[in-house]
Amino acid sequence: QVQLVESGGGMVQAGGSLRLSCAASGSILRTSIMGWFRQAPGTAREFVATIDWSGRSTYYADAVKGRFTISKDFVTNVMSLQMNTLKPEDTATYFCTSVKGRPGEVRASASEYDYWGQGTQVTVSS
């Protein structure tokens, strides 16, 4: 059974940084497209970033491009999201997600993913 467990959320001032981690069970990192989505209260789940199974192809939402970096560590079996220059509008619950995929393939739609973590809260104060 696929298990995804997020960590690293917290409270930070605008302009600060946080690093989110997603610990994945088994060989998920090596065989799956993975992504980060976020959801603020009263809003729909929003795409943030995605990475292919090899870790070499990535794609970002315009709102985070240049500030966030998604990566995979195949030694620790952890996917990460480095978030820099955080803004109050980045405040949300962040979810890790995965789906089986082909080399080089990335996905930006929540409906295309099969497995989700429980989420970790990020709060950015102004």
Foldseek 3Di string as FASTA:
>chain_A
DKAWAKDWADEEAAQAKTKMKIAIPDLQLQFKKKFKWWDAPPDDIFGAKIAGSVQPDIDGDPVQPPFWDWGADPVRRMIMIIGGRDDQVVWTWMKMFIDGDDPPDHDGDPVRTDDIHPTDTHGYHD
